[in-house]
Protein backbone atom coordinates (compact mmCIF):
# COMPACT_ATOMS: atom_id res chain seq x y z
CA MET A 1 15.18 17.92 -49.71
CA ILE A 2 12.94 15.10 -50.94
CA LEU A 3 14.40 11.70 -50.12
CA LYS A 4 11.63 9.44 -51.35
CA ILE A 5 8.16 9.76 -52.87
CA LEU A 6 5.45 7.36 -51.78
CA LYS A 7 2.18 6.70 -53.57
CA ASN A 8 -1.05 5.31 -52.16
CA LYS A 9 -1.43 1.57 -52.57
CA LYS A 10 -5.20 1.88 -52.20
CA LEU A 11 -6.91 4.71 -54.03
CA LEU A 12 -9.65 6.89 -52.55
CA ILE A 13 -13.00 6.47 -54.28
CA TYR A 14 -14.19 9.60 -56.16
CA GLY A 15 -10.96 11.41 -55.28
CA GLU A 16 -8.42 9.24 -57.04
CA TYR A 17 -10.62 6.95 -59.12
CA TYR A 18 -14.25 6.69 -60.22
CA PRO A 19 -16.06 3.36 -60.15
CA PHE A 20 -18.45 2.71 -63.03
CA LYS A 21 -16.65 5.34 -65.12
CA GLU A 22 -18.24 4.14 -68.35
CA ILE A 23 -21.76 4.63 -66.96
CA ILE A 24 -21.02 7.92 -65.18
CA SER A 25 -19.37 9.44 -68.28
CA LYS A 26 -22.55 8.80 -70.29
CA LEU A 27 -24.62 10.64 -67.69
CA ILE A 28 -22.06 13.41 -67.05
CA PRO A 29 -19.97 13.88 -70.23
CA ILE A 30 -17.15 15.83 -68.54
CA TYR A 31 -16.03 12.59 -66.85
CA LYS A 32 -14.94 11.18 -70.23
CA ASN A 33 -11.77 13.27 -69.84
CA TYR A 34 -11.08 12.15 -66.26
CA ARG A 35 -8.22 9.69 -65.78
CA ASP A 36 -7.94 7.51 -62.71
CA LEU A 37 -4.72 7.63 -60.72
CA MET A 38 -2.61 4.51 -60.49
CA PRO A 39 -1.86 2.85 -57.14
CA GLY A 40 1.75 2.84 -56.00
CA LYS A 41 3.93 -0.21 -55.46
CA ASN A 42 6.30 1.27 -52.92
CA LYS A 43 7.49 -0.77 -49.97
CA PRO A 44 7.86 0.61 -46.44
CA ILE A 45 10.73 3.02 -45.80
CA LYS A 46 13.66 1.25 -44.13
CA LEU A 47 15.55 3.05 -41.38
CA GLN A 48 19.19 2.52 -40.47
CA ASN A 49 18.31 0.34 -37.49
CA GLU A 50 16.22 -2.03 -39.66
CA SER A 51 12.91 -0.55 -38.46
CA SER A 52 10.16 0.21 -40.96
CA VAL A 53 8.07 3.36 -41.24
CA PHE A 54 4.49 3.29 -42.49
CA ILE A 55 2.45 6.40 -43.20
CA PHE A 56 -1.28 6.02 -42.82
CA ILE A 57 -3.66 8.58 -44.28
CA CYS A 58 -7.06 8.33 -42.64
CA TYR A 59 -9.65 9.54 -45.13
CA GLU A 60 -12.54 8.25 -43.03
CA ASP A 61 -12.21 11.50 -41.06
CA LEU A 62 -12.89 13.44 -44.25
CA LEU A 63 -16.01 11.40 -44.96
CA ARG A 64 -17.51 12.40 -41.58
CA MET A 65 -17.51 16.02 -42.72
CA ILE A 66 -19.79 15.31 -45.68
């Protein structure tokens, strides 16, 4: 059962948005159809005992593989 959906507040470059989209789409026309994702505005999940839960996704580990 899904209780809550969270969205990234900061988007991952080239995975969730493209900087300089106007320039890149002139060089590589297929990028004209690409739409950037929107950052989320969710607040931390509140637990019953007033604690907060934060989920961190570490994409720096992915960049080491490149």
